[in-house]
PDB file of N, CA and C in Angstrom:
ATOM      1  N   MET A   1     -44.932   3.559  -6.634  1.00  0.00           N
ATOM      2  CA  MET A   1     -45.477   4.739  -6.121  1.00  0.00           C
ATOM      3  C   MET A   1     -45.779   5.629  -7.132  1.00  0.00           C
ATOM      4  N   SER A   2     -46.880   6.039  -7.510  1.00  0.00           N
ATOM      5  CA  SER A   2     -47.308   7.264  -8.516  1.00  0.00           C
ATOM      6  C   SER A   2     -46.922   8.550  -7.978  1.00  0.00           C
ATOM      7  N   PHE A   3     -46.755   9.565  -9.201  1.00  0.00           N
ATOM      8  CA  PHE A   3     -46.854  10.786  -8.510  1.00  0.00           C
ATOM      9  C   PHE A   3     -48.042  11.604  -9.154  1.00  0.00           C
ATOM     10  N   ASN A   4     -48.616  12.094  -7.993  1.00  0.00           N
ATOM     11  CA  ASN A   4     -49.885  12.580  -7.915  1.00  0.00           C
ATOM     12  C   ASN A   4     -49.491  14.326  -7.774  1.00  0.00           C
ATOM     13  N   PRO A   5     -49.357  15.234  -8.776  1.00  0.00           N
ATOM     14  CA  PRO A   5     -49.036  16.524  -8.751  1.00  0.00           C
ATOM     15  C   PRO A   5     -50.563  17.026  -8.248  1.00  0.00           C
ATOM     16  N   LYS A   6     -50.064  17.984  -7.265  1.00  0.00           N
ATOM     17  CA  LYS A   6     -51.230  18.853  -6.302  1.00  0.00           C
ATOM     18  C   LYS A   6     -51.414  20.288  -7.374  1.00  0.00           C
ATOM     19  N   TYR A   7     -52.177  20.678  -7.981  1.00  0.00           N
ATOM     20  CA  TYR A   7     -52.548  21.832  -8.591  1.00  0.00           C
ATOM     21  C   TYR A   7     -53.937  21.846  -8.671  1.00  0.00           C
ATOM     22  N   THR A   8     -54.592  22.952  -9.161  1.00  0.00           N
ATOM     23  CA  THR A   8     -55.773  23.471  -9.699  1.00  0.00           C
ATOM     24  C   THR A   8     -55.841  24.171 -11.081  1.00  0.00           C
ATOM     25  N   ILE A   9     -56.401  23.626 -11.608  1.00  0.00           N
ATOM     26  CA  ILE A   9     -56.891  24.286 -12.877  1.00  0.00           C
ATOM     27  C   ILE A   9     -57.916  25.723 -12.817  1.00  0.00           C
ATOM     28  N   THR A  10     -57.149  26.877 -12.713  1.00  0.00           N
ATOM     29  CA  THR A  10     -57.978  27.855 -12.493  1.00  0.00           C
ATOM     30  C   THR A  10     -58.589  28.610 -13.757  1.00  0.00           C
ATOM     31  N   ASP A  11     -59.252  29.624 -13.490  1.00  0.00           N
ATOM     32  CA  ASP A  11     -60.072  30.005 -14.506  1.00  0.00           C
ATOM     33  C   ASP A  11     -58.670  30.865 -15.623  1.00  0.00           C
ATOM     34  N   LYS A  12     -57.836  31.688 -14.888  1.00  0.00           N
ATOM     35  CA  LYS A  12     -56.632  32.446 -15.517  1.00  0.00           C
ATOM     36  C   LYS A  12     -55.854  31.298 -16.251  1.00  0.00           C
ATOM     37  N   ILE A  13     -55.838  30.023 -15.631  1.00  0.00           N
ATOM     38  CA  ILE A  13     -54.544  29.114 -16.097  1.00  0.00           C
ATOM     39  C   ILE A  13     -55.296  28.607 -17.247  1.00  0.00           C
ATOM     40  N   LEU A  14     -56.451  28.175 -17.358  1.00  0.00           N
ATOM     41  CA  LEU A  14     -57.295  27.952 -18.439  1.00  0.00           C
ATOM     42  C   LEU A  14     -57.519  28.968 -19.519  1.00  0.00           C
ATOM     43  N   ASN A  15     -57.696  30.109 -19.249  1.00  0.00           N
ATOM     44  CA  ASN A  15     -57.541  31.069 -20.544  1.00  0.00           C
ATOM     45  C   ASN A  15     -56.226  31.382 -20.947  1.00  0.00           C
ATOM     46  N   SER A  16     -54.999  31.043 -20.270  1.00  0.00           N
ATOM     47  CA  SER A  16     -53.867  31.187 -20.625  1.00  0.00           C
ATOM     48  C   SER A  16     -53.598  29.886 -21.899  1.00  0.00           C
ATOM     49  N   LEU A  17     -54.000  28.535 -21.321  1.00  0.00           N
ATOM     50  CA  LEU A  17     -53.802  27.826 -22.102  1.00  0.00           C
ATOM     51  C   LEU A  17     -54.618  27.791 -23.489  1.00  0.00           C
ATOM     52  N   THR A  18     -55.954  28.291 -23.360  1.00  0.00           N
ATOM     53  CA  THR A  18     -56.564  28.848 -24.652  1.00  0.00           C
ATOM     54  C   THR A  18     -56.250  29.962 -25.421  1.00  0.00           C
ATOM     55  N   THR A  19     -55.398  30.632 -25.016  1.00  0.00           N
ATOM     56  CA  THR A  19     -54.809  31.682 -25.649  1.00  0.00           C
ATOM     57  C   THR A  19     -53.691  31.206 -26.478  1.00  0.00           C
ATOM     58  N   ILE A  20     -52.802  30.424 -25.684  1.00  0.00           N
ATOM     59  CA  ILE A  20     -51.620  29.602 -26.311  1.00  0.00           C
ATOM     60  C   ILE A  20     -51.944  28.685 -27.629  1.00  0.00           C
ATOM     61  N   ALA A  21     -52.818  27.929 -27.467  1.00  0.00           N
ATOM     62  CA  ALA A  21     -53.794  26.870 -28.194  1.00  0.00           C
ATOM     63  C   ALA A  21     -53.816  27.800 -29.488  1.00  0.00           C
ATOM     64  N   SER A  22     -54.351  28.705 -29.400  1.00  0.00           N
ATOM     65  CA  SER A  22     -54.915  29.801 -30.266  1.00  0.00           C
ATOM     66  C   SER A  22     -53.760  30.183 -31.250  1.00  0.00           C
ATOM     67  N   ALA A  23     -52.834  30.750 -30.708  1.00  0.00           N
ATOM     68  CA  ALA A  23     -51.629  31.255 -31.158  1.00  0.00           C
ATOM     69  C   ALA A  23     -50.676  30.346 -31.893  1.00  0.00           C
ATOM     70  N   ARG A  24     -50.775  29.198 -31.157  1.00  0.00           N
ATOM     71  CA  ARG A  24     -50.237  27.796 -31.916  1.00  0.00           C
ATOM     72  C   ARG A  24     -50.859  27.725 -33.106  1.00  0.00           C
ATOM     73  N   GLU A  25     -51.878  27.574 -33.544  1.00  0.00           N
ATOM     74  CA  GLU A  25     -52.780  27.326 -34.639  1.00  0.00           C
ATOM     75  C   GLU A  25     -52.209  28.534 -35.527  1.00  0.00           C
ATOM     76  N   VAL A  26     -52.459  29.501 -35.100  1.00  0.00           N
ATOM     77  CA  VAL A  26     -52.156  30.954 -35.997  1.00  0.00           C
ATOM     78  C   VAL A  26     -51.050  30.515 -36.875  1.00  0.00           C
ATOM     79  N   ILE A  27     -49.904  30.147 -35.756  1.00  0.00           N
ATOM     80  CA  ILE A  27     -48.331  30.088 -36.194  1.00  0.00           C
ATOM     81  C   ILE A  27     -48.426  28.910 -37.356  1.00  0.00           C
ATOM     82  N   LYS A  28     -49.118  27.621 -36.764  1.00  0.00           N
ATOM     83  CA  LYS A  28     -48.883  26.624 -37.825  1.00  0.00           C
ATOM     84  C   LYS A  28     -49.603  26.799 -38.909  1.00  0.00           C
ATOM     85  N   GLN A  29     -50.437  27.722 -39.176  1.00  0.00           N
ATOM     86  CA  GLN A  29     -50.943  27.868 -40.189  1.00  0.00           C
ATOM     87  C   GLN A  29     -50.483  29.030 -41.231  1.00  0.00           C
ATOM     88  N   ALA A  30     -49.478  29.859 -40.753  1.00  0.00           N
ATOM     89  CA  ALA A  30     -48.760  30.719 -41.315  1.00  0.00           C
ATOM     90  C   ALA A  30     -48.135  30.260 -42.634  1.00  0.00           C
ATOM     91  N   TYR A  31     -47.770  31.023 -43.440  1.00  0.00           N
ATOM     92  CA  TYR A  31     -46.764  30.676 -44.651  1.00  0.00           C
ATOM     93  C   TYR A  31     -45.567  31.206 -44.333  1.00  0.00           C
ATOM     94  N   LEU A  32     -44.472  30.530 -44.557  1.00  0.00           N
ATOM     95  CA  LEU A  32     -43.211  31.110 -44.570  1.00  0.00           C
ATOM     96  C   LEU A  32     -42.491  30.919 -45.557  1.00  0.00           C
ATOM     97  N   SER A  33     -41.606  32.063 -46.146  1.00  0.00           N
ATOM     98  CA  SER A  33     -41.160  31.768 -47.201  1.00  0.00           C
ATOM     99  C   SER A  33     -39.814  30.971 -46.702  1.00  0.00           C
ATOM    100  N   PRO A  34     -39.337  30.220 -48.163  1.00  0.00           N
ATOM    101  CA  PRO A  34     -37.816  29.134 -47.482  1.00  0.00           C
ATOM    102  C   PRO A  34     -36.586  30.138 -47.016  1.00  0.00           C
ATOM    103  N   GLU A  35     -36.670  31.213 -47.345  1.00  0.00           N
ATOM    104  CA  GLU A  35     -35.932  32.312 -47.184  1.00  0.00           C
ATOM    105  C   GLU A  35     -35.465  32.728 -45.846  1.00  0.00           C
ATOM    106  N   LEU A  36     -37.087  32.950 -45.327  1.00  0.00           N
ATOM    107  CA  LEU A  36     -37.646  33.433 -43.906  1.00  0.00           C
ATOM    108  C   LEU A  36     -37.266  32.507 -42.786  1.00  0.00           C
ATOM    109  N   GLU A  37     -37.655  30.985 -43.538  1.00  0.00           N
ATOM    110  CA  GLU A  37     -37.471  29.961 -42.292  1.00  0.00           C
ATOM    111  C   GLU A  37     -36.231  30.038 -42.092  1.00  0.00           C
ATOM    112  N   GLU A  38     -35.317  29.803 -43.365  1.00  0.00           N
ATOM    113  CA  GLU A  38     -34.093  29.364 -42.816  1.00  0.00           C
ATOM    114  C   GLU A  38     -33.722  30.564 -42.189  1.00  0.00           C
ATOM    115  N   LYS A  39     -33.582  32.000 -42.378  1.00  0.00           N
ATOM    116  CA  LYS A  39     -33.267  33.026 -41.260  1.00  0.00           C
ATOM    117  C   LYS A  39     -33.500  32.816 -40.091  1.00  0.00           C
ATOM    118  N   LEU A  40     -34.978  32.093 -39.888  1.00  0.00           N
ATOM    119  CA  LEU A  40     -35.310  32.221 -38.601  1.00  0.00           C
ATOM    120  C   LEU A  40     -34.573  30.912 -37.945  1.00  0.00           C
ATOM    121  N   ARG A  41     -34.419  29.861 -38.736  1.00  0.00           N
ATOM    122  CA  ARG A  41     -33.568  28.833 -38.218  1.00  0.00           C
ATOM    123  C   ARG A  41     -31.746  29.119 -37.844  1.00  0.00           C
ATOM    124  N   GLN A  42     -31.460  29.790 -38.472  1.00  0.00           N
ATOM    125  CA  GLN A  42     -30.148  30.447 -38.511  1.00  0.00           C
ATOM    126  C   GLN A  42     -30.315  31.353 -36.926  1.00  0.00           C
ATOM    127  N   ARG A  43     -30.928  32.475 -36.828  1.00  0.00           N
ATOM    128  CA  ARG A  43     -31.382  32.859 -35.725  1.00  0.00           C
ATOM    129  C   ARG A  43     -31.509  31.791 -34.601  1.00  0.00           C
ATOM    130  N   ALA A  44     -32.151  31.320 -34.220  1.00  0.00           N
ATOM    131  CA  ALA A  44     -32.661  30.118 -33.449  1.00  0.00           C
ATOM    132  C   ALA A  44     -31.288  29.399 -32.900  1.00  0.00           C
ATOM    133  N   LEU A  45     -30.641  29.326 -33.752  1.00  0.00           N
ATOM    134  CA  LEU A  45     -29.142  28.328 -33.595  1.00  0.00           C
ATOM    135  C   LEU A  45     -28.031  29.119 -33.021  1.00  0.00           C
ATOM    136  N   LEU A  46     -27.881  30.573 -33.385  1.00  0.00           N
ATOM    137  CA  LEU A  46     -27.168  31.315 -32.874  1.00  0.00           C
ATOM    138  C   LEU A  46     -27.531  31.606 -31.523  1.00  0.00           C
ATOM    139  N   LEU A  47     -28.826  31.895 -31.067  1.00  0.00           N
ATOM    140  CA  LEU A  47     -29.172  32.169 -29.893  1.00  0.00           C
ATOM    141  C   LEU A  47     -29.014  31.014 -28.779  1.00  0.00           C
ATOM    142  N   ASN A  48     -29.274  29.517 -29.317  1.00  0.00           N
ATOM    143  CA  ASN A  48     -29.162  28.538 -28.685  1.00  0.00           C
ATOM    144  C   ASN A  48     -27.502  28.227 -28.419  1.00  0.00           C
ATOM    145  N   ALA A  49     -27.071  28.714 -29.106  1.00  0.00           N
ATOM    146  CA  ALA A  49     -25.614  28.623 -28.582  1.00  0.00           C
ATOM    147  C   ALA A  49     -25.094  29.695 -27.910  1.00  0.00           C
ATOM    148  N   HIS A  50     -25.545  30.720 -28.251  1.00  0.00           N
ATOM    149  CA  HIS A  50     -25.040  31.739 -27.431  1.00  0.00           C
ATOM    150  C   HIS A  50     -25.338  31.745 -25.842  1.00  0.00           C
ATOM    151  N   ALA A  51     -26.449  30.936 -25.652  1.00  0.00           N
ATOM    152  CA  ALA A  51     -26.933  30.828 -24.304  1.00  0.00           C
ATOM    153  C   ALA A  51     -26.500  29.472 -23.810  1.00  0.00           C
ATOM    154  N   SER A  52     -26.454  28.241 -24.410  1.00  0.00           N
ATOM    155  CA  SER A  52     -25.812  27.299 -23.649  1.00  0.00           C
ATOM    156  C   SER A  52     -24.574  27.469 -23.689  1.00  0.00           C
ATOM    157  N   THR A  53     -23.526  28.264 -24.333  1.00  0.00           N
ATOM    158  CA  THR A  53     -22.276  28.492 -23.789  1.00  0.00           C
ATOM    159  C   THR A  53     -21.731  29.493 -22.913  1.00  0.00           C
ATOM    160  N   ALA A  54     -22.951  30.419 -22.627  1.00  0.00           N
ATOM    161  CA  ALA A  54     -23.207  31.538 -21.395  1.00  0.00           C
ATOM    162  C   ALA A  54     -23.236  30.806 -20.241  1.00  0.00           C
ATOM    163  N   LEU A  55     -23.862  29.587 -20.354  1.00  0.00           N
ATOM    164  CA  LEU A  55     -24.049  28.928 -19.298  1.00  0.00           C
ATOM    165  C   LEU A  55     -22.444  28.108 -18.484  1.00  0.00           C
ATOM    166  N   SER A  56     -21.939  28.006 -19.539  1.00  0.00           N
ATOM    167  CA  SER A  56     -20.759  27.157 -19.301  1.00  0.00           C
ATOM    168  C   SER A  56     -19.610  28.197 -19.007  1.00  0.00           C
ATOM    169  N   GLY A  57     -19.933  29.716 -18.930  1.00  0.00           N
ATOM    170  CA  GLY A  57     -18.948  30.655 -18.386  1.00  0.00           C
ATOM    171  C   GLY A  57     -18.736  31.220 -19.423  1.00  0.00           C
ATOM    172  N   ASN A  58     -18.818  31.024 -20.942  1.00  0.00           N
ATOM    173  CA  ASN A  58     -18.366  31.664 -22.145  1.00  0.00           C
ATOM    174  C   ASN A  58     -18.859  33.089 -22.234  1.00  0.00           C
ATOM    175  N   LYS A  59     -17.982  34.165 -22.205  1.00  0.00           N
ATOM    176  CA  LYS A  59     -18.262  35.792 -21.990  1.00  0.00           C
ATOM    177  C   LYS A  59     -18.225  36.247 -23.505  1.00  0.00           C
ATOM    178  N   LEU A  60     -18.468  35.176 -24.459  1.00  0.00           N
ATOM    179  CA  LEU A  60     -18.995  36.057 -25.825  1.00  0.00           C
ATOM    180  C   LEU A  60     -20.161  36.415 -25.910  1.00  0.00           C
ATOM    181  N   SER A  61     -20.099  37.675 -26.719  1.00  0.00           N
ATOM    182  CA  SER A  61     -21.888  38.384 -27.162  1.00  0.00           C
ATOM    183  C   SER A  61     -22.054  37.850 -27.961  1.00  0.00           C
ATOM    184  N   LEU A  62     -23.541  38.065 -28.218  1.00  0.00           N
ATOM    185  CA  LEU A  62     -24.507  37.300 -29.176  1.00  0.00           C
ATOM    186  C   LEU A  62     -23.863  37.656 -30.772  1.00  0.00           C
ATOM    187  N   LYS A  63     -23.212  38.918 -30.535  1.00  0.00           N
ATOM    188  CA  LYS A  63     -22.668  39.470 -31.995  1.00  0.00           C
ATOM    189  C   LYS A  63     -21.237  38.697 -32.174  1.00  0.00           C
ATOM    190  N   GLN A  64     -20.714  38.410 -31.309  1.00  0.00           N
ATOM    191  CA  GLN A  64     -19.134  37.691 -31.323  1.00  0.00           C
ATOM    192  C   GLN A  64     -19.565  36.113 -31.872  1.00  0.00           C
ATOM    193  N   VAL A  65     -20.766  35.299 -31.174  1.00  0.00           N
ATOM    194  CA  VAL A  65     -20.946  34.045 -31.527  1.00  0.00           C
ATOM    195  C   VAL A  65     -21.237  34.033 -32.639  1.00  0.00           C
ATOM    196  N   GLU A  66     -22.323  35.264 -33.627  1.00  0.00           N
ATOM    197  CA  GLU A  66     -22.575  35.330 -34.950  1.00  0.00           C
ATOM    198  C   GLU A  66     -21.227  35.385 -35.569  1.00  0.00           C
ATOM    199  N   THR A  67     -20.233  36.098 -35.197  1.00  0.00           N
ATOM    200  CA  THR A  67     -19.165  36.221 -36.108  1.00  0.00           C
ATOM    201  C   THR A  67     -18.704  35.064 -36.180  1.00  0.00           C
ATOM    202  N   LEU A  68     -18.379  34.572 -35.105  1.00  0.00           N
ATOM    203  CA  LEU A  68     -17.981  32.883 -35.456  1.00  0.00           C
ATOM    204  C   LEU A  68     -18.356  32.013 -36.272  1.00  0.00           C
ATOM    205  N   TYR A  69     -19.905  32.300 -36.227  1.00  0.00           N
ATOM    206  CA  TYR A  69     -20.759  31.235 -36.999  1.00  0.00           C
ATOM    207  C   TYR A  69     -20.283  31.720 -38.431  1.00  0.00           C
ATOM    208  N   LYS A  70     -20.286  32.840 -38.714  1.00  0.00           N
ATOM    209  CA  LYS A  70     -19.779  32.968 -40.087  1.00  0.00           C
ATOM    210  C   LYS A  70     -18.270  33.006 -40.559  1.00  0.00           C
ATOM    211  N   ASN A  71     -17.549  32.479 -39.860  1.00  0.00           N
ATOM    212  CA  ASN A  71     -16.358  32.221 -40.084  1.00  0.00           C
ATOM    213  C   ASN A  71     -15.214  33.335 -39.902  1.00  0.00           C
ATOM    214  N   LYS A  72     -15.611  34.032 -39.101  1.00  0.00           N
ATOM    215  CA  LYS A  72     -14.803  35.115 -39.254  1.00  0.00           C
ATOM    216  C   LYS A  72     -14.101  35.446 -37.827  1.00  0.00           C
ATOM    217  N   LYS A  73     -12.923  36.213 -37.761  1.00  0.00           N
ATOM    218  CA  LYS A  73     -12.122  36.355 -36.673  1.00  0.00           C
ATOM    219  C   LYS A  73     -12.972  37.366 -35.723  1.00  0.00           C
ATOM    220  N   THR A  74     -12.897  36.891 -34.404  1.00  0.00           N
ATOM    221  CA  THR A  74     -13.537  37.873 -33.174  1.00  0.00           C
ATOM    222  C   THR A  74     -12.665  38.502 -32.292  1.00  0.00           C
TER     223      THR A  74
END
């Protein structure tokens, strides 16, 4: 049994996909210094940790998660 999704590619969807593809290319071609890249990676890690633990009922704020990440008491 194969899955046949029911959708229509409208002009709005096509325009949005084109905009996303263009933005993706700009980002892929952009230069990031190693320092900025590391800062962005750490920020993404903190946001991911905060969001995923919040789903489990953890009530820590993003700032508290950042403090814990830096091995400080919160």
